[in-house]
Amino acid sequence: INYLTFDATSNYNSLQAQVQRRFARRLQLSGVWTWSKILTTNENSQISRYVNERSRYYSLASFDRTHVANVNWIYTLPSASALWKAPFSRAVLDGWQLSGILSLVSGAPQAVSFTTTNGADISGSPTETPRPDQIANPVLSKDQRSIAQFFNTAAFALPAKGTLGNEARFAFRGPGINNWDAALFKNIKIKERFQSQFRLETYNTFNHT
């Protein structure tokens, strides 16, 4: 007899801060930062009542991000005509504006699963999926990481038969987000009531994957 209940335990704590510099000396700057942690026993998946719920499932949520920071700015470049009083400098070098958005986000929690080449039945149960045994720290220092190996693969081992493995729901964090969007504007005054604008916009300006 299958018996399902739609319940779970979760909690969220955060520190949220905001800083804003209103337009002064040609610069406007705004930034927000959230430092948070969310723990849960369930995330759209089934929880077995045959094992201890807290020790087996209570962990970071997959959408947990320790740090989320966003900074945006608008900077009006100094007028070149103040130095070079010529029609050319006023028409070509004046009226430029630089703006952008910087997003810095911590990586997502990552889990490690396994398969066997001989199809061994580790848990002895059709419903309990085993996890690997974690025998060392899976986190590598930044100078040791590469495209081929982002975490310490030697930190995990096959669990013994009749066990479920001791790895937590998530073992380490994946790479974070470091994204810059930038824009360069040039306002061209045609007449007192009319003006045009040259606009150059780039997304993920520095091509950070």
N, C-alpha and C. Protein backbone atom coordinates (compact mmCIF):
# COMPACT_ATOMS: atom_id res chain seq x y z
N ILE A 1 0.85 -1.18 0.00
CA ILE A 1 0.00 0.00 0.00
C ILE A 1 0.89 1.23 0.00
N ASN A 2 0.75 2.06 -1.02
CA ASN A 2 1.51 3.31 -1.06
C ASN A 2 0.80 4.38 -0.24
N TYR A 3 1.58 5.09 0.57
CA TYR A 3 1.02 6.15 1.41
C TYR A 3 1.90 7.38 1.25
N LEU A 4 1.35 8.42 0.66
CA LEU A 4 2.10 9.64 0.38
C LEU A 4 1.51 10.81 1.15
N THR A 5 2.39 11.62 1.73
CA THR A 5 1.95 12.86 2.38
C THR A 5 2.74 14.02 1.78
N PHE A 6 2.08 15.12 1.58
CA PHE A 6 2.71 16.30 0.98
C PHE A 6 3.11 17.27 2.10
N ASP A 7 4.24 16.97 2.72
CA ASP A 7 4.73 17.85 3.78
C ASP A 7 6.25 17.81 3.77
N ALA A 8 6.84 18.81 4.42
CA ALA A 8 8.30 18.91 4.48
C ALA A 8 8.66 19.93 5.54
N THR A 9 9.94 19.95 5.89
CA THR A 9 10.47 20.95 6.81
C THR A 9 11.49 21.79 6.07
N SER A 10 11.38 23.10 6.19
CA SER A 10 12.36 23.98 5.55
C SER A 10 12.47 25.27 6.35
N ASN A 11 13.61 25.91 6.23
CA ASN A 11 13.79 27.22 6.86
C ASN A 11 14.75 28.05 6.03
N TYR A 12 14.54 29.36 6.07
CA TYR A 12 15.33 30.30 5.27
C TYR A 12 15.74 31.46 6.15
N ASN A 13 17.02 31.79 6.12
CA ASN A 13 17.54 32.94 6.86
C ASN A 13 18.42 33.76 5.93
N SER A 14 18.34 35.08 6.06
CA SER A 14 19.13 35.90 5.16
C SER A 14 19.44 37.26 5.78
N LEU A 15 20.50 37.85 5.28
CA LEU A 15 20.85 39.23 5.54
C LEU A 15 20.79 39.95 4.21
N GLN A 16 20.00 41.02 4.13
CA GLN A 16 19.83 41.74 2.88
C GLN A 16 20.25 43.19 3.07
N ALA A 17 21.07 43.68 2.16
CA ALA A 17 21.58 45.04 2.26
C ALA A 17 21.48 45.73 0.90
N GLN A 18 21.30 47.03 0.95
CA GLN A 18 21.20 47.82 -0.27
C GLN A 18 21.95 49.14 -0.08
N VAL A 19 22.66 49.54 -1.11
CA VAL A 19 23.36 50.83 -1.09
C VAL A 19 23.00 51.57 -2.37
N GLN A 20 22.84 52.88 -2.25
CA GLN A 20 22.44 53.67 -3.42
C GLN A 20 23.11 55.04 -3.37
N ARG A 21 23.70 55.41 -4.47
CA ARG A 21 24.27 56.74 -4.63
C ARG A 21 23.48 57.44 -5.73
N ARG A 22 22.76 58.46 -5.35
CA ARG A 22 21.99 59.19 -6.34
C ARG A 22 22.91 60.00 -7.24
N PHE A 23 22.37 60.39 -8.37
CA PHE A 23 23.18 61.03 -9.40
C PHE A 23 23.91 62.25 -8.85
N ALA A 24 25.23 62.15 -8.81
CA ALA A 24 26.07 63.25 -8.34
C ALA A 24 27.43 63.11 -8.99
N ARG A 25 27.98 64.23 -9.45
CA ARG A 25 29.27 64.22 -10.15
C ARG A 25 29.27 63.23 -11.30
N ARG A 26 28.18 63.22 -12.02
CA ARG A 26 28.01 62.41 -13.25
C ARG A 26 27.87 60.91 -12.98
N LEU A 27 27.76 60.49 -11.73
CA LEU A 27 27.70 59.05 -11.41
C LEU A 27 26.46 58.72 -10.59
N GLN A 28 25.78 57.65 -11.00
CA GLN A 28 24.69 57.06 -10.22
C GLN A 28 25.02 55.60 -10.01
N LEU A 29 24.94 55.13 -8.76
CA LEU A 29 25.37 53.78 -8.41
C LEU A 29 24.37 53.15 -7.45
N SER A 30 24.05 51.88 -7.69
CA SER A 30 23.12 51.17 -6.82
C SER A 30 23.55 49.71 -6.71
N GLY A 31 23.45 49.15 -5.52
CA GLY A 31 23.84 47.76 -5.32
C GLY A 31 22.99 47.08 -4.26
N VAL A 32 22.74 45.79 -4.46
CA VAL A 32 22.00 44.98 -3.49
C VAL A 32 22.79 43.70 -3.26
N TRP A 33 22.74 43.21 -2.02
CA TRP A 33 23.47 41.99 -1.65
C TRP A 33 22.61 41.18 -0.70
N THR A 34 22.50 39.89 -0.97
CA THR A 34 21.78 38.97 -0.10
C THR A 34 22.72 37.84 0.31
N TRP A 35 22.84 37.65 1.61
CA TRP A 35 23.63 36.55 2.18
C TRP A 35 22.62 35.62 2.86
N SER A 36 22.45 34.42 2.35
CA SER A 36 21.33 33.61 2.81
C SER A 36 21.69 32.13 2.86
N LYS A 37 20.77 31.38 3.47
CA LYS A 37 20.89 29.93 3.53
C LYS A 37 19.49 29.34 3.67
N ILE A 38 19.20 28.35 2.84
CA ILE A 38 17.91 27.67 2.92
C ILE A 38 18.15 26.17 3.06
N LEU A 39 17.54 25.59 4.07
CA LEU A 39 17.64 24.17 4.36
C LEU A 39 16.26 23.54 4.24
N THR A 40 16.21 22.34 3.73
CA THR A 40 14.92 21.67 3.56
C THR A 40 15.11 20.16 3.60
N THR A 41 14.03 19.45 3.93
CA THR A 41 14.05 17.99 3.90
C THR A 41 13.48 17.44 2.61
N ASN A 42 12.83 18.29 1.84
CA ASN A 42 12.17 17.79 0.64
C ASN A 42 12.15 18.86 -0.43
N GLU A 43 12.30 18.42 -1.67
CA GLU A 43 12.26 19.36 -2.79
C GLU A 43 11.70 18.64 -4.01
N ASN A 44 10.40 18.53 -4.05
CA ASN A 44 9.70 17.88 -5.17
C ASN A 44 10.15 16.44 -5.39
N SER A 45 10.45 15.75 -4.32
CA SER A 45 10.82 14.34 -4.44
C SER A 45 10.27 13.59 -3.22
N GLN A 46 10.27 12.28 -3.30
CA GLN A 46 9.72 11.47 -2.23
C GLN A 46 10.76 11.23 -1.14
N ILE A 47 10.29 11.22 0.07
CA ILE A 47 11.13 10.95 1.24
C ILE A 47 10.74 9.60 1.82
N SER A 48 11.73 8.76 2.04
CA SER A 48 11.46 7.45 2.61
C SER A 48 11.28 7.56 4.12
N ARG A 49 10.30 6.87 4.63
CA ARG A 49 10.08 6.84 6.08
C ARG A 49 10.84 5.70 6.74
N TYR A 50 11.60 4.94 5.95
CA TYR A 50 12.37 3.83 6.50
C TYR A 50 13.72 4.27 7.04
N VAL A 51 14.12 5.51 6.71
CA VAL A 51 15.40 6.04 7.20
C VAL A 51 15.14 7.32 7.97
N ASN A 52 16.15 7.76 8.72
CA ASN A 52 15.99 8.98 9.50
C ASN A 52 15.89 10.18 8.58
N GLU A 53 14.78 10.88 8.66
CA GLU A 53 14.51 11.98 7.72
C GLU A 53 15.53 13.10 7.85
N ARG A 54 15.87 13.47 9.08
CA ARG A 54 16.76 14.62 9.26
C ARG A 54 18.18 14.31 8.80
N SER A 55 18.73 13.18 9.18
CA SER A 55 20.11 12.88 8.81
C SER A 55 20.23 12.52 7.33
N ARG A 56 19.19 11.99 6.72
CA ARG A 56 19.26 11.55 5.34
C ARG A 56 18.91 12.66 4.33
N TYR A 57 17.95 13.50 4.68
CA TYR A 57 17.42 14.43 3.69
C TYR A 57 17.61 15.91 4.04
N TYR A 58 17.76 16.23 5.31
CA TYR A 58 17.83 17.64 5.69
C TYR A 58 19.15 18.23 5.23
N SER A 59 19.08 19.12 4.25
CA SER A 59 20.29 19.66 3.65
C SER A 59 19.95 20.94 2.91
N LEU A 60 20.94 21.51 2.24
CA LEU A 60 20.70 22.69 1.43
C LEU A 60 19.71 22.39 0.31
N ALA A 61 18.91 23.37 -0.03
CA ALA A 61 18.04 23.24 -1.19
C ALA A 61 18.88 23.42 -2.46
N SER A 62 18.43 22.84 -3.55
CA SER A 62 19.20 22.93 -4.79
C SER A 62 19.28 24.35 -5.31
N PHE A 63 18.33 25.21 -4.91
CA PHE A 63 18.34 26.60 -5.35
C PHE A 63 18.99 27.53 -4.33
N ASP A 64 19.66 26.96 -3.33
CA ASP A 64 20.36 27.79 -2.35
C ASP A 64 21.54 28.50 -3.01
N ARG A 65 21.65 29.79 -2.78
CA ARG A 65 22.79 30.58 -3.26
C ARG A 65 23.27 31.43 -2.09
N THR A 66 24.45 31.15 -1.58
CA THR A 66 24.92 31.85 -0.38
C THR A 66 24.99 33.35 -0.59
N HIS A 67 25.55 33.76 -1.69
CA HIS A 67 25.69 35.19 -1.96
C HIS A 67 25.06 35.52 -3.31
N VAL A 68 24.25 36.57 -3.33
CA VAL A 68 23.70 37.11 -4.57
C VAL A 68 23.90 38.62 -4.51
N ALA A 69 24.74 39.13 -5.39
CA ALA A 69 25.04 40.56 -5.41
C ALA A 69 24.80 41.11 -6.81
N ASN A 70 24.16 42.26 -6.87
CA ASN A 70 23.93 42.94 -8.14
C ASN A 70 24.28 44.41 -7.99
N VAL A 71 25.07 44.92 -8.90
CA VAL A 71 25.48 46.32 -8.90
C VAL A 71 25.15 46.91 -10.27
N ASN A 72 24.53 48.08 -10.29
CA ASN A 72 24.28 48.77 -11.56
C ASN A 72 24.74 50.21 -11.45
N TRP A 73 25.16 50.77 -12.56
CA TRP A 73 25.72 52.12 -12.55
C TRP A 73 25.41 52.85 -13.85
N ILE A 74 25.40 54.16 -13.75
CA ILE A 74 25.30 55.05 -14.91
C ILE A 74 26.33 56.15 -14.70
N TYR A 75 27.22 56.31 -15.69
CA TYR A 75 28.27 57.31 -15.58
C TYR A 75 28.29 58.16 -16.84
N THR A 76 28.14 59.45 -16.67
CA THR A 76 28.21 60.39 -17.78
C THR A 76 29.64 60.88 -17.92
N LEU A 77 30.24 60.61 -19.06
CA LEU A 77 31.63 61.00 -19.26
C LEU A 77 31.77 62.53 -19.30
N PRO A 78 32.90 63.05 -18.83
CA PRO A 78 33.11 64.50 -18.84
C PRO A 78 33.02 65.07 -20.25
N SER A 79 32.58 66.28 -20.34
CA SER A 79 32.46 66.95 -21.64
C SER A 79 33.83 67.35 -22.16
N ALA A 80 34.15 66.86 -23.34
CA ALA A 80 35.44 67.19 -23.93
C ALA A 80 35.50 68.64 -24.39
N SER A 81 34.33 69.22 -24.68
CA SER A 81 34.32 70.60 -25.17
C SER A 81 34.76 71.59 -24.10
N ALA A 82 34.81 71.14 -22.84
CA ALA A 82 35.31 72.03 -21.80
C ALA A 82 36.81 72.25 -21.94
N LEU A 83 37.49 71.28 -22.56
CA LEU A 83 38.93 71.42 -22.80
C LEU A 83 39.23 71.91 -24.21
N TRP A 84 38.50 71.33 -25.18
CA TRP A 84 38.71 71.72 -26.57
C TRP A 84 37.45 72.41 -27.07
N LYS A 85 37.49 73.69 -27.07
CA LYS A 85 36.31 74.46 -27.48
C LYS A 85 36.26 74.53 -28.99
N ALA A 86 35.73 73.47 -29.56
CA ALA A 86 35.61 73.39 -31.01
C ALA A 86 34.32 72.66 -31.35
N PRO A 87 33.69 72.99 -32.46
CA PRO A 87 32.44 72.30 -32.84
C PRO A 87 32.61 70.79 -32.94
N PHE A 88 33.80 70.34 -33.40
CA PHE A 88 34.03 68.91 -33.54
C PHE A 88 33.96 68.20 -32.19
N SER A 89 34.63 68.74 -31.18
CA SER A 89 34.64 68.09 -29.87
C SER A 89 33.25 68.09 -29.25
N ARG A 90 32.49 69.14 -29.48
CA ARG A 90 31.14 69.18 -28.92
C ARG A 90 30.23 68.16 -29.61
N ALA A 91 30.40 68.00 -30.91
CA ALA A 91 29.52 67.11 -31.67
C ALA A 91 29.89 65.64 -31.51
N VAL A 92 31.21 65.36 -31.42
CA VAL A 92 31.67 63.97 -31.43
C VAL A 92 32.02 63.45 -30.04
N LEU A 93 32.64 64.26 -29.22
CA LEU A 93 33.17 63.78 -27.95
C LEU A 93 32.26 64.05 -26.75
N ASP A 94 31.29 64.90 -26.86
CA ASP A 94 30.38 65.19 -25.76
C ASP A 94 29.16 64.26 -25.78
N GLY A 95 28.51 64.15 -24.63
CA GLY A 95 27.23 63.42 -24.57
C GLY A 95 27.35 61.92 -24.45
N TRP A 96 28.50 61.39 -24.04
CA TRP A 96 28.66 59.94 -23.89
C TRP A 96 28.28 59.50 -22.48
N GLN A 97 27.68 58.35 -22.41
CA GLN A 97 27.23 57.81 -21.12
C GLN A 97 27.53 56.31 -21.07
N LEU A 98 28.11 55.87 -19.95
CA LEU A 98 28.46 54.46 -19.76
C LEU A 98 27.61 53.88 -18.64
N SER A 99 26.98 52.73 -18.89
CA SER A 99 26.15 52.08 -17.87
C SER A 99 26.40 50.58 -17.89
N GLY A 100 25.99 49.92 -16.82
CA GLY A 100 26.19 48.48 -16.78
C GLY A 100 25.57 47.83 -15.56
N ILE A 101 25.57 46.51 -15.59
CA ILE A 101 25.04 45.69 -14.49
C ILE A 101 26.04 44.56 -14.23
N LEU A 102 26.42 44.40 -13.00
CA LEU A 102 27.30 43.31 -12.58
C LEU A 102 26.52 42.37 -11.67
N SER A 103 26.54 41.08 -11.99
CA SER A 103 25.86 40.06 -11.19
C SER A 103 26.88 39.04 -10.70
N LEU A 104 26.94 38.87 -9.38
CA LEU A 104 27.82 37.88 -8.76
C LEU A 104 26.95 36.95 -7.92
N VAL A 105 26.93 35.67 -8.26
CA VAL A 105 26.05 34.71 -7.60
C VAL A 105 26.85 33.45 -7.26
N SER A 106 26.69 32.96 -6.03
CA SER A 106 27.34 31.72 -5.62
C SER A 106 26.83 30.53 -6.45
N GLY A 107 27.64 29.50 -6.54
CA GLY A 107 27.26 28.32 -7.29
C GLY A 107 26.18 27.49 -6.59
N ALA A 108 25.56 26.62 -7.35
CA ALA A 108 24.49 25.76 -6.84
C ALA A 108 25.06 24.52 -6.18
N PRO A 109 24.41 24.01 -5.14
CA PRO A 109 24.84 22.75 -4.53
C PRO A 109 24.79 21.60 -5.54
N GLN A 110 25.79 20.73 -5.49
CA GLN A 110 25.89 19.62 -6.43
C GLN A 110 25.99 18.29 -5.69
N ALA A 111 25.38 17.28 -6.27
CA ALA A 111 25.42 15.94 -5.68
C ALA A 111 26.19 15.00 -6.60
N VAL A 112 26.66 13.90 -6.04
CA VAL A 112 27.37 12.87 -6.80
C VAL A 112 26.56 11.59 -6.71
N SER A 113 26.28 10.99 -7.84
CA SER A 113 25.62 9.68 -7.87
C SER A 113 26.57 8.67 -8.50
N PHE A 114 26.15 7.42 -8.57
CA PHE A 114 27.04 6.41 -9.13
C PHE A 114 26.24 5.28 -9.77
N THR A 115 26.93 4.56 -10.63
CA THR A 115 26.40 3.31 -11.18
C THR A 115 27.52 2.27 -11.06
N THR A 116 27.15 1.02 -11.18
CA THR A 116 28.14 -0.06 -11.09
C THR A 116 28.22 -0.79 -12.43
N THR A 117 29.40 -1.32 -12.72
CA THR A 117 29.58 -2.06 -13.97
C THR A 117 28.99 -3.46 -13.91
N ASN A 118 28.81 -3.97 -12.68
CA ASN A 118 28.28 -5.34 -12.55
C ASN A 118 26.81 -5.36 -12.13
N GLY A 119 26.18 -4.16 -12.03
CA GLY A 119 24.76 -4.11 -11.68
C GLY A 119 24.48 -4.60 -10.28
N ALA A 120 25.43 -4.42 -9.36
CA ALA A 120 25.26 -4.91 -7.99
C ALA A 120 24.10 -4.21 -7.29
N ASP A 121 23.33 -4.98 -6.55
CA ASP A 121 22.23 -4.43 -5.76
C ASP A 121 22.79 -4.02 -4.40
N ILE A 122 23.08 -2.74 -4.24
CA ILE A 122 23.76 -2.27 -3.03
C ILE A 122 22.81 -2.24 -1.84
N SER A 123 21.65 -1.60 -2.02
CA SER A 123 20.78 -1.38 -0.87
C SER A 123 19.91 -2.60 -0.57
N GLY A 124 19.70 -3.47 -1.55
CA GLY A 124 18.82 -4.61 -1.34
C GLY A 124 17.36 -4.22 -1.28
N SER A 125 17.05 -3.01 -1.78
CA SER A 125 15.68 -2.51 -1.72
C SER A 125 15.30 -1.93 -3.08
N PRO A 126 14.07 -2.16 -3.54
CA PRO A 126 13.64 -1.57 -4.82
C PRO A 126 13.29 -0.09 -4.71
N THR A 127 13.22 0.44 -3.49
CA THR A 127 12.80 1.83 -3.31
C THR A 127 13.88 2.75 -2.75
N GLU A 128 14.90 2.20 -2.07
CA GLU A 128 15.93 3.03 -1.44
C GLU A 128 17.16 3.12 -2.35
N THR A 129 17.39 4.31 -2.88
CA THR A 129 18.54 4.52 -3.76
C THR A 129 19.77 4.87 -2.94
N PRO A 130 20.84 4.10 -3.05
CA PRO A 130 22.04 4.39 -2.25
C PRO A 130 22.83 5.57 -2.84
N ARG A 131 23.59 6.19 -1.96
CA ARG A 131 24.52 7.23 -2.36
C ARG A 131 25.94 6.70 -2.16
N PRO A 132 26.93 7.31 -2.79
CA PRO A 132 28.30 6.84 -2.56
C PRO A 132 28.77 7.18 -1.15
N ASP A 133 29.81 6.52 -0.70
CA ASP A 133 30.46 6.88 0.56
C ASP A 133 31.44 8.03 0.29
N GLN A 134 31.35 9.06 1.10
CA GLN A 134 32.30 10.17 0.98
C GLN A 134 33.44 9.90 1.95
N ILE A 135 34.65 9.73 1.42
CA ILE A 135 35.79 9.33 2.23
C ILE A 135 36.83 10.44 2.36
N ALA A 136 36.61 11.56 1.68
CA ALA A 136 37.55 12.68 1.76
C ALA A 136 36.82 13.95 1.35
N ASN A 137 37.49 15.07 1.45
CA ASN A 137 36.91 16.35 1.06
C ASN A 137 36.84 16.43 -0.47
N PRO A 138 35.65 16.61 -1.04
CA PRO A 138 35.54 16.65 -2.50
C PRO A 138 35.92 18.00 -3.11
N VAL A 139 36.11 19.01 -2.29
CA VAL A 139 36.37 20.36 -2.80
C VAL A 139 37.84 20.51 -3.15
N LEU A 140 38.11 20.92 -4.39
CA LEU A 140 39.47 21.19 -4.83
C LEU A 140 39.74 22.69 -4.75
N SER A 141 40.98 23.05 -4.48
CA SER A 141 41.35 24.47 -4.51
C SER A 141 41.26 24.98 -5.95
N LYS A 142 41.13 26.27 -6.10
CA LYS A 142 40.91 26.84 -7.43
C LYS A 142 42.03 26.52 -8.40
N ASP A 143 43.26 26.45 -7.92
CA ASP A 143 44.39 26.18 -8.82
C ASP A 143 44.43 24.71 -9.26
N GLN A 144 43.65 23.84 -8.63
CA GLN A 144 43.62 22.42 -9.01
C GLN A 144 42.45 22.08 -9.92
N ARG A 145 41.48 22.98 -10.04
CA ARG A 145 40.30 22.70 -10.85
C ARG A 145 40.59 22.86 -12.33
N SER A 146 39.91 22.05 -13.12
CA SER A 146 40.04 22.13 -14.57
C SER A 146 38.70 21.74 -15.18
N ILE A 147 38.62 21.88 -16.50
CA ILE A 147 37.40 21.47 -17.19
C ILE A 147 37.17 19.97 -17.03
N ALA A 148 38.26 19.20 -17.00
CA ALA A 148 38.14 17.74 -16.89
C ALA A 148 37.84 17.29 -15.47
N GLN A 149 38.22 18.08 -14.47
CA GLN A 149 38.00 17.67 -13.07
C GLN A 149 37.73 18.91 -12.22
N PHE A 150 36.46 19.09 -11.88
CA PHE A 150 36.08 20.25 -11.07
C PHE A 150 36.10 19.94 -9.58
N PHE A 151 35.97 18.66 -9.22
CA PHE A 151 35.99 18.26 -7.82
C PHE A 151 36.88 17.03 -7.66
N ASN A 152 37.18 16.69 -6.42
CA ASN A 152 38.05 15.56 -6.12
C ASN A 152 37.28 14.26 -6.31
N THR A 153 37.51 13.60 -7.43
CA THR A 153 36.78 12.36 -7.73
C THR A 153 37.20 11.21 -6.83
N ALA A 154 38.39 11.31 -6.22
CA ALA A 154 38.85 10.25 -5.32
C ALA A 154 38.21 10.35 -3.94
N ALA A 155 37.35 11.33 -3.75
CA ALA A 155 36.71 11.51 -2.45
C ALA A 155 35.50 10.61 -2.25
N PHE A 156 35.16 9.82 -3.26
CA PHE A 156 33.95 9.00 -3.18
C PHE A 156 34.29 7.54 -3.46
N ALA A 157 33.58 6.66 -2.79
CA ALA A 157 33.81 5.22 -2.95
C ALA A 157 32.48 4.49 -2.97
N LEU A 158 32.52 3.28 -3.48
CA LEU A 158 31.31 2.45 -3.54
C LEU A 158 30.91 2.05 -2.12
N PRO A 159 29.65 2.23 -1.75
CA PRO A 159 29.23 1.81 -0.41
C PRO A 159 29.15 0.29 -0.30
N ALA A 160 29.21 -0.18 0.92
CA ALA A 160 29.12 -1.63 1.15
C ALA A 160 27.69 -2.11 0.90
N LYS A 161 27.56 -3.36 0.52
CA LYS A 161 26.24 -3.93 0.29
C LYS A 161 25.42 -3.91 1.58
N GLY A 162 24.16 -3.59 1.41
CA GLY A 162 23.27 -3.51 2.56
C GLY A 162 23.28 -2.15 3.24
N THR A 163 24.00 -1.16 2.65
CA THR A 163 24.04 0.20 3.20
C THR A 163 23.53 1.19 2.15
N LEU A 164 23.31 2.42 2.59
CA LEU A 164 22.79 3.46 1.69
C LEU A 164 23.82 4.53 1.38
N GLY A 165 25.06 4.36 1.86
CA GLY A 165 26.09 5.37 1.61
C GLY A 165 25.97 6.53 2.58
N ASN A 166 27.08 7.18 2.86
CA ASN A 166 27.06 8.24 3.87
C ASN A 166 27.13 9.65 3.28
N GLU A 167 27.14 9.77 1.94
CA GLU A 167 27.21 11.10 1.34
C GLU A 167 25.95 11.90 1.67
N ALA A 168 26.13 13.19 1.93
CA ALA A 168 24.99 14.07 2.16
C ALA A 168 24.23 14.29 0.85
N ARG A 169 23.09 14.95 0.94
CA ARG A 169 22.30 15.17 -0.27
C ARG A 169 23.09 15.96 -1.31
N PHE A 170 23.90 16.91 -0.85
CA PHE A 170 24.79 17.67 -1.72
C PHE A 170 26.20 17.65 -1.14
N ALA A 171 27.19 17.49 -2.00
CA ALA A 171 28.56 17.31 -1.52
C ALA A 171 29.43 18.56 -1.69
N PHE A 172 29.14 19.37 -2.69
CA PHE A 172 29.96 20.56 -2.95
C PHE A 172 29.14 21.52 -3.79
N ARG A 173 29.72 22.66 -4.11
CA ARG A 173 29.04 23.66 -4.93
C ARG A 173 29.66 23.73 -6.33
N GLY A 174 28.80 23.95 -7.29
CA GLY A 174 29.26 24.16 -8.65
C GLY A 174 29.79 25.58 -8.83
N PRO A 175 30.24 25.92 -10.03
CA PRO A 175 30.78 27.26 -10.27
C PRO A 175 29.70 28.33 -10.15
N GLY A 176 30.13 29.49 -9.70
CA GLY A 176 29.19 30.60 -9.55
C GLY A 176 29.03 31.39 -10.83
N ILE A 177 28.30 32.47 -10.73
CA ILE A 177 28.03 33.35 -11.88
C ILE A 177 28.80 34.65 -11.69
N ASN A 178 29.49 35.06 -12.74
CA ASN A 178 30.22 36.32 -12.76
C ASN A 178 29.89 36.97 -14.09
N ASN A 179 28.87 37.80 -14.12
CA ASN A 179 28.34 38.31 -15.38
C ASN A 179 28.35 39.84 -15.42
N TRP A 180 28.88 40.38 -16.51
CA TRP A 180 28.91 41.82 -16.73
C TRP A 180 28.09 42.14 -17.97
N ASP A 181 27.16 43.06 -17.85
CA ASP A 181 26.46 43.64 -18.99
C ASP A 181 26.82 45.12 -19.03
N ALA A 182 27.13 45.62 -20.22
CA ALA A 182 27.58 47.01 -20.34
C ALA A 182 26.93 47.67 -21.54
N ALA A 183 26.81 48.99 -21.46
CA ALA A 183 26.22 49.76 -22.55
C ALA A 183 26.91 51.11 -22.65
N LEU A 184 27.07 51.56 -23.89
CA LEU A 184 27.67 52.86 -24.16
C LEU A 184 26.70 53.65 -25.03
N PHE A 185 26.29 54.84 -24.54
CA PHE A 185 25.33 55.67 -25.25
C PHE A 185 25.99 56.97 -25.69
N LYS A 186 25.51 57.49 -26.79
CA LYS A 186 25.93 58.80 -27.26
C LYS A 186 24.68 59.56 -27.67
N ASN A 187 24.36 60.62 -26.94
CA ASN A 187 23.21 61.46 -27.25
C ASN A 187 23.62 62.56 -28.22
N ILE A 188 22.94 62.62 -29.33
CA ILE A 188 23.24 63.60 -30.38
C ILE A 188 22.08 64.57 -30.49
N LYS A 189 22.34 65.80 -30.15
CA LYS A 189 21.31 66.82 -30.18
C LYS A 189 21.17 67.38 -31.59
N ILE A 190 19.98 67.27 -32.14
CA ILE A 190 19.72 67.78 -33.49
C ILE A 190 19.15 69.19 -33.43
N LYS A 191 18.06 69.34 -32.72
CA LYS A 191 17.46 70.63 -32.44
C LYS A 191 17.06 70.66 -30.99
N GLU A 192 16.48 71.74 -30.57
CA GLU A 192 16.13 71.87 -29.15
C GLU A 192 15.13 70.81 -28.73
N ARG A 193 14.24 70.45 -29.62
CA ARG A 193 13.20 69.47 -29.29
C ARG A 193 13.51 68.07 -29.78
N PHE A 194 14.56 67.90 -30.55
CA PHE A 194 14.85 66.60 -31.15
C PHE A 194 16.29 66.20 -30.89
N GLN A 195 16.48 64.91 -30.63
CA GLN A 195 17.81 64.36 -30.51
C GLN A 195 17.80 62.88 -30.89
N SER A 196 18.93 62.37 -31.30
CA SER A 196 19.07 60.96 -31.63
C SER A 196 20.07 60.33 -30.66
N GLN A 197 20.15 59.01 -30.71
CA GLN A 197 21.02 58.32 -29.77
C GLN A 197 21.73 57.15 -30.47
N PHE A 198 23.05 57.10 -30.28
CA PHE A 198 23.85 55.95 -30.71
C PHE A 198 24.01 55.05 -29.50
N ARG A 199 23.73 53.76 -29.66
CA ARG A 199 23.73 52.85 -28.51
C ARG A 199 24.50 51.57 -28.86
N LEU A 200 25.45 51.22 -28.00
CA LEU A 200 26.20 49.97 -28.11
C LEU A 200 25.99 49.18 -26.82
N GLU A 201 25.42 47.98 -26.93
CA GLU A 201 25.12 47.18 -25.74
C GLU A 201 25.78 45.81 -25.88
N THR A 202 26.35 45.34 -24.80
CA THR A 202 26.94 43.99 -24.77
C THR A 202 26.42 43.24 -23.56
N TYR A 203 26.18 41.95 -23.75
CA TYR A 203 25.73 41.09 -22.66
C TYR A 203 26.80 40.02 -22.42
N ASN A 204 27.05 39.72 -21.15
CA ASN A 204 28.16 38.85 -20.77
C ASN A 204 29.44 39.36 -21.45
N THR A 205 29.74 40.61 -21.15
CA THR A 205 30.79 41.35 -21.85
C THR A 205 32.13 40.62 -21.87
N PHE A 206 32.53 40.03 -20.75
CA PHE A 206 33.84 39.40 -20.64
C PHE A 206 33.78 37.90 -20.91
N ASN A 207 32.64 37.41 -21.39
CA ASN A 207 32.48 36.02 -21.84
C ASN A 207 32.83 35.03 -20.72
N HIS A 208 32.31 35.28 -19.54
CA HIS A 208 32.50 34.35 -18.43
C HIS A 208 31.44 33.25 -18.52
N THR A 209 31.90 32.02 -18.62
CA THR A 209 30.95 30.91 -18.67
C THR A 209 30.38 30.65 -17.29
